[in-house]
Amino acid sequence: MNGVALPLEDAQYLLGIDAAVRVTPAFRLGTENLDVTAYVKPIPGGRKHRLEPVRMVLDETMKRYARQDAVASDSWLGPRLHAALRLSRREAGCRDVWRYLGLWAADYVRWRWAAEPDASESNSSVGVERFVGPDSKQALARLWWMTELFRHGSDYSTAALALTNQDIINNFFRAAAAHHRPTALAFISVLPQSDDGERLPDGRSANALSRAVNAAASTLLLDSLAVDEPLDAAERRHWEALREDHDVRNFFDELPEGPDDPPVPQESLDTMITLLTELLAEAPIRGRTKN
């Protein structure tokens, strides 16, 4: 039970700020239902989206991961949510879209962000920002945008890797530099990886590098230093149009494909890897002793 009355098929997606103020502590806790259908607004241009594939992906996430491992689910869910929810960047930049989805998927939001079972009752409800907050906080927007910024064209593996580290999500993701593809891809390339190459477990290194990159970006013009190819608008529209042919169940055990944008120029990626390697080597990392 979602605990909120919103349509599943052909969703209009938009909920204004008036709906957000109705999100009560009891709803966040899961003890009260919420009806915000009166606040649903038509999406500009009339484009509609089916939410049944998204529901399948969310349900599979909660089935695959135990509640205590909910944090680890971000890496699995991010690319699959992005592929199931074929938004344009313009649509994804609209806060009303995520307000709708945060309330519609309230069961997932509570599962992902609920306090531990032994937490005090006063602290056990999910923060309102996880339902209707900004992109860096809202439960689904943060995964969608992390995937969008860290994918390498149609390859979601780089995004899945970035989503294994909560410090990247909580810090570097919020920086303007994360929107520069050569920098984003270099960032995850230079961080220490797990032995199997599937995780970035060192949060201290991620935080230190994020601070160093932000400082460097204030004096460097990243677009000039490492030129990137523009995203392919025609390919994006083609990818969005294929949503009816995308069966999310075929990609529970393998990654789907994203929009087939041009790859980051190798020279630009090498430039940023060299720069970020130097920044990480000099960055003050708590607990690291310099020779």
Protein backbone atom coordinates (compact mmCIF):
# COMPACT_ATOMS: atom_id res chain seq x y z
CA MET A 1 0.00 0.00 0.00
CA ASN A 2 1.47 3.36 -1.03
CA GLY A 3 -0.55 5.38 1.45
CA VAL A 4 -1.32 8.05 -1.17
CA ALA A 5 -4.07 8.22 -3.78
CA LEU A 6 -2.46 8.88 -7.18
CA PRO A 7 -2.99 7.20 -10.56
CA LEU A 8 -0.62 4.46 -11.75
CA GLU A 9 -1.19 4.50 -15.51
CA ASP A 10 -0.50 7.45 -17.83
CA ALA A 11 0.58 9.63 -14.92
CA GLN A 12 0.59 13.39 -15.34
CA TYR A 13 3.39 13.57 -12.79
CA LEU A 14 3.04 17.14 -11.60
CA LEU A 15 2.27 18.14 -8.02
CA GLY A 16 2.66 21.73 -6.89
CA ILE A 17 4.08 23.03 -3.65
CA ASP A 18 0.58 23.08 -2.11
CA ALA A 19 0.65 19.29 -2.05
CA ALA A 20 4.04 19.25 -0.34
CA VAL A 21 2.81 21.16 2.69
CA ARG A 22 0.20 18.44 3.28
CA VAL A 23 2.88 15.82 3.98
CA THR A 24 2.25 15.22 7.67
CA PRO A 25 4.50 13.46 10.20
CA ALA A 26 1.94 10.65 10.40
CA PHE A 27 2.12 10.12 6.62
CA ARG A 28 5.92 10.12 6.73
CA LEU A 29 5.72 7.52 9.48
CA GLY A 30 3.28 5.41 7.45
CA THR A 31 0.31 5.58 9.83
CA GLU A 32 -1.81 7.99 7.80
CA ASN A 33 -2.95 8.01 4.17
CA LEU A 34 -2.79 11.11 2.01
CA ASP A 35 -5.03 12.21 -0.86
CA VAL A 36 -3.45 14.89 -3.04
CA THR A 37 -5.28 14.14 -6.30
CA ALA A 38 -6.75 17.64 -6.22
CA TYR A 39 -3.22 19.02 -6.68
CA VAL A 40 -2.25 17.01 -9.76
CA LYS A 41 -1.40 19.31 -12.67
CA PRO A 42 -1.15 18.50 -16.39
CA ILE A 43 2.41 18.17 -17.63
CA PRO A 44 3.39 20.80 -20.24
CA GLY A 45 3.06 19.44 -23.75
CA GLY A 46 0.77 16.62 -22.68
CA ARG A 47 3.51 13.98 -22.43
CA LYS A 48 2.47 11.14 -20.15
CA HIS A 49 4.42 8.28 -18.61
CA ARG A 50 3.44 4.81 -17.47
CA LEU A 51 4.51 4.12 -13.93
CA GLU A 52 3.90 0.37 -13.90
CA PRO A 53 7.54 -0.36 -14.97
CA VAL A 54 8.80 1.92 -12.20
CA ARG A 55 6.60 0.09 -9.70
CA MET A 56 8.12 -3.22 -10.81
CA VAL A 57 11.65 -1.91 -10.32
CA LEU A 58 10.89 -0.49 -6.87
CA ASP A 59 9.20 -3.71 -5.75
CA GLU A 60 12.15 -5.75 -6.99
CA THR A 61 14.56 -3.50 -5.10
CA MET A 62 12.72 -4.06 -1.82
CA LYS A 63 12.56 -7.79 -2.52
CA ARG A 64 16.27 -8.13 -3.31
CA TYR A 65 17.65 -6.13 -0.40
CA ALA A 66 16.99 -6.55 3.28
CA ARG A 67 15.90 -3.42 5.12
CA GLN A 68 19.29 -3.17 6.84
CA ASP A 69 20.98 -3.22 3.40
CA ALA A 70 18.79 -0.52 1.88
CA VAL A 71 21.79 1.79 1.31
CA ALA A 72 23.41 -0.84 -0.90
CA SER A 73 20.31 -0.91 -3.10
CA ASP A 74 21.09 2.54 -4.57
CA SER A 75 23.65 1.11 -6.99
CA TRP A 76 21.20 -1.51 -8.30
CA LEU A 77 18.18 0.77 -8.47
CA GLY A 78 19.68 3.94 -9.96
CA PRO A 79 20.31 2.72 -13.53
CA ARG A 80 17.11 0.67 -13.62
CA LEU A 81 15.01 3.58 -12.39
CA HIS A 82 16.58 5.84 -15.01
CA ALA A 83 15.83 3.36 -17.79
CA ALA A 84 12.27 2.70 -16.61
CA LEU A 85 11.45 6.37 -16.07
CA ARG A 86 12.45 7.82 -19.43
CA LEU A 87 12.35 11.49 -18.56
CA SER A 88 13.90 14.27 -20.56
CA ARG A 89 16.33 16.46 -18.66
CA ARG A 90 13.76 19.23 -18.78
CA GLU A 91 11.15 17.04 -17.13
CA ALA A 92 13.66 15.78 -14.56
CA GLY A 93 14.56 19.37 -13.71
CA CYS A 94 10.99 20.07 -12.57
CA ARG A 95 10.50 19.75 -8.81
CA ASP A 96 6.78 19.05 -9.34
CA VAL A 97 7.67 15.79 -11.11
CA TRP A 98 9.61 14.51 -8.11
CA ARG A 99 6.96 15.66 -5.63
CA TYR A 100 4.49 13.47 -7.48
CA LEU A 101 6.81 10.48 -7.59
CA GLY A 102 7.94 10.83 -3.98
CA LEU A 103 4.38 10.61 -2.72
CA TRP A 104 3.32 7.97 -5.23
CA ALA A 105 6.28 5.76 -4.18
CA ALA A 106 5.91 6.51 -0.46
CA ASP A 107 6.35 2.84 0.49
CA TYR A 108 9.79 2.76 -1.13
CA VAL A 109 10.77 6.12 0.37
CA ARG A 110 9.92 4.87 3.87
CA TRP A 111 11.72 1.57 3.25
CA ARG A 112 14.89 3.31 2.05
CA TRP A 113 15.00 6.10 4.61
CA ALA A 114 13.22 4.84 7.71
CA ALA A 115 15.14 4.94 10.98
CA GLU A 116 16.51 1.71 12.42
CA PRO A 117 13.94 -0.41 14.30
CA ASP A 118 15.42 0.51 17.69
CA ALA A 119 15.25 4.26 17.03
CA SER A 120 13.10 6.37 19.30
CA GLU A 121 9.53 6.98 18.11
CA SER A 122 10.18 10.72 17.77
CA ASN A 123 12.97 10.07 15.27
CA SER A 124 11.45 7.15 13.36
CA SER A 125 9.57 9.04 10.63
CA VAL A 126 11.24 9.76 7.29
CA GLY A 127 12.34 13.34 6.65
CA VAL A 128 9.95 15.33 4.49
CA GLU A 129 12.77 16.18 2.06
CA ARG A 130 12.96 12.50 1.03
CA PHE A 131 9.42 12.79 -0.35
CA VAL A 132 9.28 16.33 -1.76
CA GLY A 133 12.73 17.88 -1.33
CA PRO A 134 15.42 19.07 -3.76
CA ASP A 135 17.16 16.76 -6.22
CA SER A 136 20.06 16.13 -3.86
CA LYS A 137 17.70 14.92 -1.12
CA GLN A 138 14.54 13.52 -2.72
CA ALA A 139 14.68 9.72 -2.69
CA LEU A 140 14.14 9.11 -6.41
CA ALA A 141 15.50 12.35 -7.90
CA ARG A 142 18.93 11.79 -6.34
CA LEU A 143 19.19 8.34 -7.94
CA TRP A 144 17.93 9.51 -11.33
CA TRP A 145 20.28 12.49 -11.52
CA MET A 146 23.26 10.58 -10.18
CA THR A 147 22.71 8.06 -12.94
CA GLU A 148 22.24 10.77 -15.55
CA LEU A 149 25.45 12.56 -14.60
CA PHE A 150 27.68 9.52 -14.12
CA ARG A 151 26.57 7.30 -17.02
CA HIS A 152 28.94 7.13 -19.98
CA GLY A 153 26.53 7.34 -22.87
CA SER A 154 24.54 4.11 -22.96
CA ASP A 155 26.86 2.50 -20.39
CA TYR A 156 25.34 2.59 -16.92
CA SER A 157 28.19 0.74 -15.19
CA THR A 158 30.00 3.96 -14.27
CA ALA A 159 26.83 5.31 -12.66
CA ALA A 160 26.29 2.08 -10.75
CA LEU A 161 29.86 2.34 -9.45
CA ALA A 162 29.40 5.96 -8.36
CA LEU A 163 26.23 5.02 -6.49
CA THR A 164 28.14 2.58 -4.27
CA ASN A 165 29.64 5.52 -2.37
CA GLN A 166 27.25 7.65 -0.30
CA ASP A 167 29.86 10.38 0.08
CA ILE A 168 29.87 10.95 -3.67
CA ILE A 169 26.07 11.26 -3.57
CA ASN A 170 26.09 13.56 -0.55
CA ASN A 171 28.99 15.80 -1.60
CA PHE A 172 30.45 15.75 -5.11
CA PHE A 173 27.05 15.18 -6.74
CA ARG A 174 25.90 18.59 -5.50
CA ALA A 175 28.82 20.42 -7.11
CA ALA A 176 28.67 22.07 -10.53
CA ALA A 177 31.75 20.06 -11.54
CA ALA A 178 29.67 16.87 -11.46
CA HIS A 179 27.83 18.13 -14.54
CA HIS A 180 31.09 18.06 -16.54
CA ARG A 181 31.30 14.50 -17.90
CA PRO A 182 35.11 14.23 -18.10
CA THR A 183 35.38 15.35 -14.47
CA ALA A 184 32.58 13.04 -13.24
CA LEU A 185 34.05 10.00 -14.96
CA ALA A 186 37.60 10.84 -13.89
CA PHE A 187 36.39 11.30 -10.30
CA ILE A 188 35.28 7.69 -9.98
CA SER A 189 38.29 6.44 -11.97
CA VAL A 190 40.89 7.75 -9.54
CA LEU A 191 39.21 6.70 -6.27
CA PRO A 192 40.32 3.45 -4.60
CA GLN A 193 38.10 0.55 -5.65
CA SER A 194 37.22 -2.71 -3.97
CA ASP A 195 39.14 -5.82 -5.04
CA ASP A 196 36.31 -6.85 -7.36
CA GLY A 197 36.15 -3.38 -8.92
CA GLU A 198 32.44 -3.05 -8.15
CA ARG A 199 32.53 -0.63 -5.22
CA LEU A 200 34.15 2.64 -4.13
CA PRO A 201 34.30 1.98 -0.40
CA ASP A 202 36.57 4.82 0.75
CA GLY A 203 34.34 7.70 1.80
CA ARG A 204 37.23 9.73 3.22
CA SER A 205 38.99 9.78 -0.15
CA ALA A 206 35.75 10.72 -1.91
CA ASN A 207 35.14 13.62 0.46
CA ALA A 208 38.73 14.87 0.22
CA LEU A 209 38.72 14.70 -3.56
CA SER A 210 35.35 16.44 -3.72
CA ARG A 211 36.72 19.36 -1.70
CA ALA A 212 39.84 19.52 -3.86
CA VAL A 213 37.89 19.44 -7.13
CA ASN A 214 35.51 22.15 -5.94
CA ALA A 215 38.44 24.35 -5.00
CA ALA A 216 40.18 23.74 -8.32
CA ALA A 217 36.98 24.31 -10.30
CA SER A 218 36.72 27.80 -8.83
CA THR A 219 39.92 28.79 -10.66
CA LEU A 220 39.88 26.45 -13.69
CA LEU A 221 37.51 26.47 -16.64
CA LEU A 222 36.81 22.76 -16.84
CA ASP A 223 35.04 22.99 -20.21
CA SER A 224 38.15 24.58 -21.71
CA LEU A 225 40.60 22.30 -19.96
CA ALA A 226 38.80 19.11 -21.03
CA VAL A 227 36.43 19.61 -23.93
CA ASP A 228 33.40 17.31 -24.00
CA GLU A 229 31.09 16.24 -26.80
CA PRO A 230 27.55 17.61 -26.47
CA LEU A 231 24.78 15.17 -25.61
CA ASP A 232 22.85 13.86 -28.60
CA ALA A 233 19.34 15.36 -28.45
CA ALA A 234 18.04 13.20 -31.30
CA GLU A 235 19.31 10.02 -29.68
CA ARG A 236 17.75 11.08 -26.37
CA ARG A 237 14.36 11.53 -28.02
CA HIS A 238 14.72 8.13 -29.68
CA TRP A 239 15.56 6.52 -26.31
CA GLU A 240 12.60 8.21 -24.65
CA ALA A 241 10.28 6.99 -27.40
CA LEU A 242 11.37 3.36 -26.83
CA ARG A 243 9.92 3.26 -23.31
CA GLU A 244 7.00 1.10 -24.44
CA ASP A 245 9.43 -1.55 -25.69
CA HIS A 246 11.52 -1.60 -22.50
CA ASP A 247 10.63 -4.57 -20.29
CA VAL A 248 12.29 -3.85 -16.95
CA ARG A 249 12.12 -7.53 -15.97
CA ASN A 250 14.73 -8.36 -18.61
CA PHE A 251 17.26 -6.21 -16.77
CA PHE A 252 16.97 -7.32 -13.17
CA ASP A 253 20.25 -9.25 -13.48
CA GLU A 254 22.02 -7.13 -16.08
CA LEU A 255 22.25 -3.42 -16.68
CA PRO A 256 19.93 -1.79 -19.20
CA GLU A 257 21.17 0.72 -21.77
CA GLY A 258 20.87 4.46 -21.53
CA PRO A 259 20.74 7.10 -24.28
CA ASP A 260 23.52 6.51 -26.79
CA ASP A 261 25.33 9.83 -26.43
CA PRO A 262 28.81 10.33 -27.89
CA PRO A 263 31.56 9.04 -25.58
CA VAL A 264 33.71 11.46 -23.64
CA PRO A 265 36.81 12.23 -25.74
CA GLN A 266 39.63 10.06 -24.44
CA GLU A 267 42.06 12.98 -24.41
CA SER A 268 39.73 14.98 -22.18
CA LEU A 269 39.20 12.02 -19.87
CA ASP A 270 42.95 11.43 -19.61
CA THR A 271 43.49 15.11 -18.81
CA MET A 272 41.02 15.02 -15.95
CA ILE A 273 42.30 11.69 -14.62
CA THR A 274 45.81 13.18 -14.46
CA LEU A 275 44.58 16.32 -12.71
CA LEU A 276 42.35 14.50 -10.22
CA THR A 277 45.05 11.95 -9.43
CA GLU A 278 47.33 14.84 -8.47
CA LEU A 279 44.58 16.51 -6.45
CA LEU A 280 43.82 13.30 -4.57
CA ALA A 281 47.51 12.71 -3.82
CA GLU A 282 47.77 16.15 -2.22
CA ALA A 283 44.37 16.28 -0.57
CA PRO A 284 44.29 16.03 3.22
CA ILE A 285 42.54 12.74 4.00
CA ARG A 286 41.65 12.07 7.61
CA GLY A 287 43.65 9.13 8.89
CA ARG A 288 46.21 9.16 6.07
CA THR A 289 49.83 9.74 7.01
CA LYS A 290 51.92 11.51 4.41
CA ASN A 291 55.50 10.41 3.84
